[in-house]
Protein backbone atom coordinates (compact mmCIF):
# COMPACT_ATOMS: atom_id res chain seq x y z
CA UNK A 1 -7.18 -127.83 -7.90
CA UNK A 2 -8.71 -127.41 -4.17
CA UNK A 3 -11.87 -126.60 -4.09
CA UNK A 4 -11.37 -123.20 -2.19
CA UNK A 5 -9.11 -122.34 -5.27
CA UNK A 6 -12.38 -122.25 -7.46
CA UNK A 7 -15.05 -121.23 -5.06
CA UNK A 8 -12.85 -118.50 -4.03
CA UNK A 9 -12.78 -116.22 -7.43
CA UNK A 10 -16.44 -117.13 -7.79
CA UNK A 11 -17.19 -115.17 -4.60
CA UNK A 12 -14.77 -112.74 -5.40
CA UNK A 13 -16.62 -111.37 -8.55
CA UNK A 14 -19.87 -112.63 -7.49
CA UNK A 15 -19.07 -109.61 -4.28
CA UNK A 16 -17.53 -107.10 -7.03
CA UNK A 17 -20.96 -107.56 -9.40
CA UNK A 18 -23.14 -107.02 -5.92
CA UNK A 19 -20.85 -104.18 -5.13
CA UNK A 20 -20.81 -102.37 -8.73
CA UNK A 21 -25.06 -103.27 -8.93
CA UNK A 22 -24.90 -101.42 -5.67
CA UNK A 23 -23.41 -98.11 -6.80
CA UNK A 24 -25.07 -98.28 -10.26
CA UNK A 25 -28.94 -98.43 -7.83
CA UNK A 26 -30.91 -94.99 -7.99
CA UNK A 27 -31.28 -92.83 -5.61
CA UNK A 28 -34.45 -92.71 -4.36
CA UNK A 29 -36.86 -89.15 -3.67
CA UNK A 30 -39.79 -89.57 -2.04
CA UNK A 31 -42.18 -86.89 -3.02
CA UNK A 32 -45.66 -85.75 -1.46
CA UNK A 33 -48.64 -84.24 -3.16
CA UNK A 34 -52.46 -83.66 -2.69
CA UNK A 35 -53.24 -83.77 -6.53
CA UNK A 36 -56.20 -85.91 -6.83
CA UNK A 37 -58.06 -83.99 -9.60
CA UNK A 38 -56.84 -84.10 -13.41
CA UNK A 39 -53.62 -82.72 -12.55
CA UNK A 40 -52.14 -85.36 -10.61
CA UNK A 41 -52.54 -87.32 -14.21
CA UNK A 42 -49.62 -84.46 -15.43
CA UNK A 43 -47.66 -85.29 -11.95
CA UNK A 44 -47.65 -89.07 -12.95
CA UNK A 45 -46.02 -87.98 -16.45
CA UNK A 46 -43.53 -85.43 -15.32
CA UNK A 47 -42.69 -87.71 -12.48
CA UNK A 48 -42.08 -90.90 -14.98
CA UNK A 49 -40.12 -88.57 -17.63
CA UNK A 50 -37.76 -87.48 -14.83
CA UNK A 51 -37.41 -91.00 -13.91
CA UNK A 52 -36.90 -92.52 -17.46
CA UNK A 53 -34.52 -89.03 -18.03
CA UNK A 54 -31.76 -90.58 -15.48
CA UNK A 55 -30.64 -93.25 -13.98
CA UNK A 56 -29.03 -91.97 -10.88
CA UNK A 57 -32.23 -90.74 -9.26
CA UNK A 58 -35.86 -92.41 -8.99
CA UNK A 59 -38.75 -90.32 -7.40
CA UNK A 60 -41.54 -92.15 -5.86
CA UNK A 61 -44.67 -90.51 -4.90
CA UNK A 62 -47.69 -90.27 -2.81
CA UNK A 63 -50.82 -88.94 -3.16
CA UNK A 64 -52.45 -87.73 -0.29
CA UNK A 65 -56.19 -86.10 0.23
CA UNK A 66 -56.79 -82.29 -0.47
CA UNK A 67 -56.87 -80.04 2.54
CA UNK A 68 -56.54 -80.69 6.10
CA UNK A 69 -55.43 -84.52 6.26
CA UNK A 70 -52.85 -83.99 4.01
CA UNK A 71 -50.79 -80.82 5.83
CA UNK A 72 -51.33 -82.26 9.07
CA UNK A 73 -49.74 -85.42 8.05
CA UNK A 74 -47.05 -83.51 6.36
CA UNK A 75 -46.61 -81.29 9.55
CA UNK A 76 -46.78 -84.76 11.79
CA UNK A 77 -44.53 -86.25 9.69
CA UNK A 78 -41.54 -84.12 9.31
CA UNK A 79 -41.87 -83.58 13.14
CA UNK A 80 -41.17 -86.74 13.59
CA UNK A 81 -38.36 -86.74 10.88
CA UNK A 82 -40.26 -89.34 9.18
CA UNK A 83 -41.55 -87.27 5.59
CA UNK A 84 -40.85 -86.71 2.55
CA UNK A 85 -37.67 -85.65 1.29
CA UNK A 86 -39.75 -82.89 -1.04
CA UNK A 87 -43.23 -81.60 -0.60
CA UNK A 88 -46.18 -79.54 -2.61
CA UNK A 89 -47.57 -77.14 -0.75
CA UNK A 90 -50.24 -73.96 -1.38
CA UNK A 91 -48.11 -70.56 -1.12
CA UNK A 92 -50.73 -69.95 1.18
CA UNK A 93 -49.85 -72.38 3.79
CA UNK A 94 -46.48 -71.00 3.75
CA UNK A 95 -47.36 -68.92 7.12
CA UNK A 96 -47.89 -71.99 9.00
CA UNK A 97 -45.02 -73.90 8.36
CA UNK A 98 -41.84 -71.40 7.71
CA UNK A 99 -42.58 -69.67 11.28
CA UNK A 100 -42.39 -73.25 13.05
CA UNK A 101 -39.14 -74.35 11.43
CA UNK A 102 -40.01 -76.84 9.65
CA UNK A 103 -39.25 -75.89 6.25
CA UNK A 104 -35.62 -75.48 4.70
CA UNK A 105 -34.30 -72.12 3.58
CA UNK A 106 -33.51 -72.52 -0.45
CA UNK A 107 -30.16 -70.73 -1.03
CA UNK A 108 -28.57 -69.29 -3.95
CA UNK A 109 -26.66 -72.64 -4.40
CA UNK A 110 -30.14 -74.74 -4.09
CA UNK A 111 -31.31 -72.52 -7.01
CA UNK A 112 -28.39 -72.57 -9.23
CA UNK A 113 -28.55 -76.70 -8.59
CA UNK A 114 -32.20 -75.96 -10.43
CA UNK A 115 -31.09 -73.87 -12.92
CA UNK A 116 -32.31 -71.00 -11.90
CA UNK A 117 -31.42 -67.21 -11.11
CA UNK A 118 -31.11 -66.45 -7.70
CA UNK A 119 -32.36 -63.41 -8.13
CA UNK A 120 -35.77 -64.47 -9.26
CA UNK A 121 -36.36 -62.71 -12.26
CA UNK A 122 -37.01 -65.88 -14.38
CA UNK A 123 -40.79 -66.19 -12.40
CA UNK A 124 -43.97 -63.36 -11.79
CA UNK A 125 -42.74 -60.94 -9.35
CA UNK A 126 -45.66 -61.20 -7.08
CA UNK A 127 -45.18 -65.03 -7.47
CA UNK A 128 -41.76 -64.81 -6.03
CA UNK A 129 -42.52 -62.41 -3.52
CA UNK A 130 -44.69 -64.65 -2.08
CA UNK A 131 -42.60 -67.51 -2.57
CA UNK A 132 -40.79 -65.72 0.65
CA UNK A 133 -41.36 -66.02 4.22
CA UNK A 134 -39.71 -62.55 6.55
CA UNK A 135 -37.23 -62.46 3.59
CA UNK A 136 -36.05 -66.36 3.10
CA UNK A 137 -37.39 -68.15 -0.01
CA UNK A 138 -38.82 -71.60 1.11
CA UNK A 139 -40.00 -72.26 -1.66
CA UNK A 140 -39.76 -72.84 -5.20
CA UNK A 141 -43.51 -71.60 -7.21
CA UNK A 142 -44.23 -73.74 -10.21
CA UNK A 143 -47.68 -72.42 -10.89
CA UNK A 144 -50.37 -69.88 -10.35
CA UNK A 145 -53.95 -70.73 -10.47
CA UNK A 146 -56.27 -67.82 -9.88
CA UNK A 147 -59.89 -67.29 -10.30
CA UNK A 148 -61.03 -66.65 -13.91
CA UNK A 149 -63.96 -65.85 -15.58
CA UNK A 150 -65.43 -68.22 -17.74
CA UNK A 151 -67.90 -67.76 -20.75
CA UNK A 152 -70.23 -69.35 -22.82
CA UNK A 153 -70.09 -67.64 -26.16
CA UNK A 154 -73.08 -69.15 -27.51
CA UNK A 155 -74.94 -67.70 -25.17
CA UNK A 156 -73.34 -64.77 -25.32
CA UNK A 157 -73.74 -64.34 -28.95
CA UNK A 158 -77.41 -64.73 -28.86
CA UNK A 159 -77.60 -62.17 -25.88
CA UNK A 160 -76.15 -59.25 -28.90
CA UNK A 161 -72.69 -59.37 -26.08
CA UNK A 162 -69.95 -59.86 -28.88
CA UNK A 163 -67.61 -58.04 -30.63
CA UNK A 164 -67.25 -58.81 -34.71
CA UNK A 165 -64.45 -60.66 -33.90
CA UNK A 166 -66.44 -62.90 -31.78
CA UNK A 167 -64.64 -61.90 -28.17
CA UNK A 168 -66.73 -60.93 -25.45
CA UNK A 169 -67.51 -57.16 -25.10
CA UNK A 170 -65.11 -56.17 -22.91
CA UNK A 171 -66.23 -55.44 -18.90
CA UNK A 172 -65.29 -52.66 -17.35
CA UNK A 173 -67.59 -52.80 -14.49
CA UNK A 174 -69.98 -53.99 -12.03
CA UNK A 175 -73.13 -52.68 -13.76
CA UNK A 176 -71.98 -54.03 -16.97
CA UNK A 177 -71.64 -57.33 -15.92
CA UNK A 178 -74.87 -56.92 -14.29
CA UNK A 179 -76.36 -56.42 -17.56
CA UNK A 180 -74.73 -59.28 -19.58
CA UNK A 181 -76.06 -61.33 -16.80
CA UNK A 182 -79.58 -59.26 -17.47
CA UNK A 183 -79.56 -59.95 -20.63
CA UNK A 184 -78.74 -63.70 -20.30
CA UNK A 185 -81.86 -64.12 -17.69
CA UNK A 186 -84.02 -62.62 -20.66
CA UNK A 187 -83.59 -65.55 -23.04
CA UNK A 188 -83.85 -67.79 -19.97
CA UNK A 189 -80.18 -68.56 -18.76
CA UNK A 190 -78.27 -68.37 -15.43
CA UNK A 191 -76.41 -65.31 -15.48
CA UNK A 192 -73.92 -66.64 -13.13
CA UNK A 193 -73.73 -69.92 -11.25
CA UNK A 194 -72.22 -68.86 -7.98
CA UNK A 195 -72.25 -71.49 -5.30
CA UNK A 196 -73.53 -70.30 -2.42
CA UNK A 197 -74.59 -73.25 -0.01
CA UNK A 198 -72.16 -74.02 3.23
CA UNK A 199 -68.46 -74.35 2.97
CA UNK A 200 -68.80 -72.79 -0.35
CA UNK A 201 -65.23 -71.45 -1.37
CA UNK A 202 -65.82 -69.59 -4.77
CA UNK A 203 -67.39 -66.58 -2.62
CA UNK A 204 -64.13 -65.77 0.18
CA UNK A 205 -62.36 -66.56 -3.24
CA UNK A 206 -64.14 -63.90 -5.32
CA UNK A 207 -64.70 -61.25 -2.15
CA UNK A 208 -60.96 -61.51 -1.18
CA UNK A 209 -60.17 -60.35 -4.67
CA UNK A 210 -62.94 -57.92 -5.41
CA UNK A 211 -61.54 -56.06 -2.72
CA UNK A 212 -58.36 -55.51 -3.69
CA UNK A 213 -59.98 -54.08 -6.74
CA UNK A 214 -61.57 -51.74 -4.39
CA UNK A 215 -57.81 -51.04 -3.12
CA UNK A 216 -58.36 -51.99 0.31
CA UNK A 217 -56.86 -55.13 2.18
CA UNK A 218 -57.90 -57.90 4.38
CA UNK A 219 -55.81 -57.29 7.43
CA UNK A 220 -53.79 -54.02 8.46
CA UNK A 221 -51.63 -53.77 11.55
CA UNK A 222 -53.23 -56.71 12.87
CA UNK A 223 -57.26 -55.69 12.31
CA UNK A 224 -59.24 -56.52 9.73
CA UNK A 225 -59.57 -53.96 7.07
CA UNK A 226 -61.47 -54.54 4.53
CA UNK A 227 -63.98 -51.07 5.46
CA UNK A 228 -66.65 -50.08 3.14
CA UNK A 229 -64.82 -52.17 0.03
CA UNK A 230 -65.50 -55.53 2.03
CA UNK A 231 -69.43 -54.06 2.19
CA UNK A 232 -69.62 -53.41 -1.42
CA UNK A 233 -68.16 -56.47 -2.48
CA UNK A 234 -70.45 -59.38 -1.09
CA UNK A 235 -73.34 -56.76 -1.17
CA UNK A 236 -72.99 -57.20 -5.36
CA UNK A 237 -72.61 -60.66 -4.94
CA UNK A 238 -76.19 -60.81 -2.87
CA UNK A 239 -77.71 -58.85 -5.71
CA UNK A 240 -76.41 -61.34 -7.69
CA UNK A 241 -78.74 -64.46 -6.11
CA UNK A 242 -81.73 -62.05 -5.26
CA UNK A 243 -81.65 -60.39 -8.65
CA UNK A 244 -81.81 -63.99 -9.98
CA UNK A 245 -79.31 -64.07 -11.88
CA UNK A 246 -77.19 -66.51 -9.27
CA UNK A 247 -79.83 -69.21 -8.49
CA UNK A 248 -80.62 -69.57 -5.06
CA UNK A 249 -78.72 -72.94 -3.32
CA UNK A 250 -76.17 -73.87 -6.30
CA UNK A 251 -73.40 -75.88 -4.50
CA UNK A 252 -69.26 -75.79 -6.45
CA UNK A 253 -70.99 -79.17 -8.88
CA UNK A 254 -73.84 -77.30 -9.80
CA UNK A 255 -71.96 -74.63 -10.52
CA UNK A 256 -69.99 -76.46 -12.85
CA UNK A 257 -72.54 -78.80 -14.68
CA UNK A 258 -74.57 -75.69 -15.06
CA UNK A 259 -71.93 -74.14 -17.15
CA UNK A 260 -70.63 -76.98 -18.89
CA UNK A 261 -74.40 -77.90 -19.66
CA UNK A 262 -74.60 -74.58 -21.28
CA UNK A 263 -77.32 -73.21 -18.91
CA UNK A 264 -75.01 -70.55 -17.72
CA UNK A 265 -73.40 -67.06 -19.45
CA UNK A 266 -70.87 -67.01 -17.04
CA UNK A 267 -69.19 -68.94 -14.02
CA UNK A 268 -66.35 -67.31 -11.51
CA UNK A 269 -64.26 -70.71 -11.22
CA UNK A 270 -60.45 -71.48 -10.37
CA UNK A 271 -58.01 -72.45 -13.64
CA UNK A 272 -58.07 -75.85 -12.31
CA UNK A 273 -61.73 -76.74 -14.60
CA UNK A 274 -59.88 -76.50 -17.44
CA UNK A 275 -59.37 -79.82 -18.23
CA UNK A 276 -63.21 -80.56 -18.15
CA UNK A 277 -63.75 -77.94 -20.74
CA UNK A 278 -61.11 -79.25 -22.93
CA UNK A 279 -62.14 -82.69 -22.36
CA UNK A 280 -65.93 -82.34 -22.96
CA UNK A 281 -64.50 -80.42 -26.14
CA UNK A 282 -62.37 -83.21 -27.24
CA UNK A 283 -65.20 -85.86 -26.64
CA UNK A 284 -68.00 -83.40 -28.44
CA UNK A 285 -70.07 -83.51 -25.22
CA UNK A 286 -69.64 -79.22 -25.08
CA UNK A 287 -72.37 -78.22 -27.25
CA UNK A 288 -71.20 -74.68 -26.93
CA UNK A 289 -68.20 -72.65 -28.01
CA UNK A 290 -66.34 -71.02 -24.61
CA UNK A 291 -63.71 -68.91 -23.77
CA UNK A 292 -61.45 -68.38 -20.25
CA UNK A 293 -60.57 -64.99 -19.51
CA UNK A 294 -58.65 -63.01 -17.07
CA UNK A 295 -60.91 -61.15 -14.56
CA UNK A 296 -62.56 -58.16 -15.44
CA UNK A 297 -61.98 -55.31 -13.64
CA UNK A 298 -65.28 -54.70 -11.80
CA UNK A 299 -63.64 -51.24 -9.71
CA UNK A 300 -60.52 -49.76 -9.96
CA UNK A 301 -57.71 -51.96 -10.16
CA UNK A 302 -56.72 -55.49 -11.34
CA UNK A 303 -56.69 -58.01 -9.44
CA UNK A 304 -57.77 -61.78 -8.78
CA UNK A 305 -57.30 -64.08 -5.79
CA UNK A 306 -54.87 -66.69 -6.51
CA UNK A 307 -53.28 -69.35 -4.50
CA UNK A 308 -49.68 -71.71 -5.63
CA UNK A 309 -48.26 -74.68 -6.01
CA UNK A 310 -44.66 -75.16 -4.86
CA UNK A 311 -42.29 -77.49 -3.84
CA UNK A 312 -40.44 -77.44 0.13
CA UNK A 313 -38.15 -79.34 1.57
CA UNK A 314 -38.10 -80.13 5.73
CA UNK A 315 -35.74 -78.52 7.84
CA UNK A 316 -32.69 -80.18 8.66
CA UNK A 317 -33.48 -79.59 12.32
CA UNK A 318 -36.17 -82.00 12.04
CA UNK A 319 -35.19 -84.41 8.97
CA UNK A 320 -31.87 -84.22 7.44
CA UNK A 321 -31.42 -84.89 3.97
CA UNK A 322 -28.27 -86.69 2.87
CA UNK A 323 -26.21 -85.14 0.43
CA UNK A 324 -27.04 -87.18 -2.44
CA UNK A 325 -30.90 -87.06 -1.51
CA UNK A 326 -31.06 -83.56 -1.60
CA UNK A 327 -28.93 -83.43 -5.52
CA UNK A 328 -31.59 -85.82 -6.33
CA UNK A 329 -34.25 -83.65 -5.15
CA UNK A 330 -32.56 -80.61 -6.58
CA UNK A 331 -32.25 -82.27 -9.69
CA UNK A 332 -35.82 -83.54 -10.00
CA UNK A 333 -37.00 -79.34 -9.43
CA UNK A 334 -35.10 -78.13 -12.20
CA UNK A 335 -36.24 -80.91 -14.40
CA UNK A 336 -39.90 -79.99 -13.45
CA UNK A 337 -39.74 -76.37 -13.48
CA UNK A 338 -38.07 -76.58 -17.09
CA UNK A 339 -41.17 -79.28 -18.23
CA UNK A 340 -43.79 -76.56 -16.73
CA UNK A 341 -45.16 -76.91 -20.45
CA UNK A 342 -46.68 -80.29 -19.37
CA UNK A 343 -48.66 -78.84 -16.47
CA UNK A 344 -50.47 -76.35 -17.73
CA UNK A 345 -52.68 -79.18 -19.21
CA UNK A 346 -54.24 -79.02 -15.88
CA UNK A 347 -55.14 -75.06 -16.64
CA UNK A 348 -52.53 -73.88 -14.01
CA UNK A 349 -50.47 -71.00 -15.40
CA UNK A 350 -46.44 -71.65 -15.46
CA UNK A 351 -44.70 -69.81 -12.70
CA UNK A 352 -41.35 -70.37 -15.27
CA UNK A 353 -41.11 -67.66 -17.57
CA UNK A 354 -39.25 -69.19 -20.14
CA UNK A 355 -41.61 -71.63 -20.24
CA UNK A 356 -44.61 -68.93 -20.80
CA UNK A 357 -42.74 -66.80 -23.08
CA UNK A 358 -42.42 -70.30 -25.63
CA UNK A 359 -44.13 -71.15 -28.46
CA UNK A 360 -45.21 -74.54 -26.76
CA UNK A 361 -47.05 -72.41 -24.44
CA UNK A 362 -48.53 -70.02 -27.08
CA UNK A 363 -50.44 -72.62 -28.80
CA UNK A 364 -51.44 -74.09 -25.27
CA UNK A 365 -55.42 -73.24 -25.26
CA UNK A 366 -57.56 -71.92 -23.85
CA UNK A 367 -54.67 -71.13 -21.17
CA UNK A 368 -53.22 -68.93 -23.53
CA UNK A 369 -56.16 -66.21 -23.00
CA UNK A 370 -55.38 -65.79 -19.57
CA UNK A 371 -51.86 -66.16 -18.71
CA UNK A 372 -51.84 -62.73 -17.73
CA UNK A 373 -53.80 -62.90 -15.11
CA UNK A 374 -50.50 -64.30 -13.37
CA UNK A 375 -49.87 -60.12 -13.30
CA UNK A 376 -52.29 -59.18 -11.51
CA UNK A 377 -52.87 -61.88 -8.56
CA UNK A 378 -53.62 -61.34 -5.07
CA UNK A 379 -52.61 -63.57 -1.98
CA UNK A 380 -53.69 -64.31 1.22
CA UNK A 381 -51.25 -63.22 4.06
CA UNK A 382 -48.89 -65.17 5.52
CA UNK A 383 -50.55 -66.14 8.49
CA UNK A 384 -50.59 -69.25 10.29
CA UNK A 385 -54.48 -69.43 9.85
CA UNK A 386 -54.55 -68.24 6.29
CA UNK A 387 -54.67 -70.48 3.47
CA UNK A 388 -56.07 -73.47 1.83
CA UNK A 389 -58.64 -75.96 4.00
CA UNK A 390 -56.63 -72.99 6.55
CA UNK A 391 -59.31 -71.56 9.39
CA UNK A 392 -59.69 -68.40 7.94
CA UNK A 393 -60.90 -70.20 5.00
CA UNK A 394 -63.09 -72.81 7.38
CA UNK A 395 -64.62 -69.39 8.68
CA UNK A 396 -65.46 -67.47 4.97
CA UNK A 397 -66.86 -70.74 3.58
CA UNK A 398 -69.26 -71.03 6.61
CA UNK A 399 -70.44 -67.21 6.87
CA UNK A 400 -70.39 -65.84 3.16
CA UNK A 401 -72.99 -68.53 1.46
CA UNK A 402 -75.12 -66.90 4.26
CA UNK A 403 -74.85 -63.28 3.50
CA UNK A 404 -75.19 -64.39 -0.26
CA UNK A 405 -78.21 -66.31 -0.25
CA UNK A 406 -80.20 -63.74 2.16
CA UNK A 407 -79.90 -66.28 5.20
CA UNK A 408 -77.33 -63.25 7.13
CA UNK A 409 -77.35 -59.55 5.81
CA UNK A 410 -74.10 -58.48 4.45
CA UNK A 411 -72.91 -56.44 7.72
CA UNK A 412 -73.98 -58.73 9.98
CA UNK A 413 -71.95 -61.67 7.87
CA UNK A 414 -68.90 -59.23 8.43
CA UNK A 415 -68.97 -58.69 11.54
CA UNK A 416 -68.93 -61.70 12.60
CA UNK A 417 -65.85 -62.98 9.50
CA UNK A 418 -64.36 -59.79 11.47
CA UNK A 419 -64.93 -61.41 15.04
CA UNK A 420 -63.72 -64.84 14.13
CA UNK A 421 -60.47 -63.20 12.05
CA UNK A 422 -59.33 -61.32 15.64
CA UNK A 423 -59.82 -64.42 17.96
CA UNK A 424 -57.74 -66.10 15.21
CA UNK A 425 -55.50 -63.47 15.49
CA UNK A 426 -55.16 -63.39 19.19
CA UNK A 427 -53.99 -67.24 19.11
CA UNK A 428 -50.62 -67.86 19.51
CA UNK A 429 -49.35 -70.00 16.58
CA UNK A 430 -49.38 -73.74 16.96
CA UNK A 431 -46.01 -75.02 18.11
């Protein structure tokens, strides 16, 4: 037989095999995130679960430094058409991306592909509303991560602050909260380890929630609008340090270490420290009982600061996703939303109500103690300068600790912050 007659069928078979293998190769979906903490491990798990659940798509994900580095790189990469197919974004940062046409609108057809009712009634209303910008949906929210109250129940018991059922007596006013801290102080404990060093962000986030508890707002008609509520909230926080309930010169790590070390009655912090508490408990390193509670109503209305992680896609005028890639992104988001129970291990409250109402979440401790926080969250207004690691947060982090630590008067600090805020509002948004 002629040699070519032998080789030709082999080559034909090889080409067919290669074509078959090419057809079977999964479509690669690139995802960027900023989860450098314990939540990164939960994200890894969900991505791995998705990749193992099917063979049509494969998600690769890159974790970048939290804050300014992440958002700067995301912005520049999408402007250059070389960014990820899908990215994590704080809802508080939508106001700096959506107005500039950097984000793709999410359509009813997209929502159906994600397995979500286009009406959005499967999500907490406040969270779903903030996933929109000027009436258009740009993000799929995956959680809410508000400030909550951490309580050392062992200290509370010694101070006579527990009910017969072992839970903290309800806190219904700022005066009562301060009385509880005073009772702990008499026993030699820290009342509330509020961070108060330069760059501290907890004071800003707490203050933002507190002014909403007094039915005030940050900005109205383009002007600072907190009025007396802002003064009252910041003055009360100043009192905690002035009266010795919160130690002077406490930074974030000290605030956390004092609570985990059993030295503080209370800690106001984000739900993201839940993994620290759970891990310490499992290892036998936590020598006290604790609880995580929805923020008390210190004033007239239930409210607490919050942000939310979400998934967003690039606008097609900068980076056009192929139909296959977009289908893969939507399939991944479908999987993530319906497997949010895994994401709750980082402390976040799921966004998807079917997960919230599941038996698995009802058994998730301590998340099931504070999940009602999602009903009272308040988000920063959608401006180009607001949100996580934005200019407004940076200014507040530099100014508010000065008032709390007594290095600047409360009124002077708020006047300085108002001046910075007015300057930001006058600046044109980046293009």
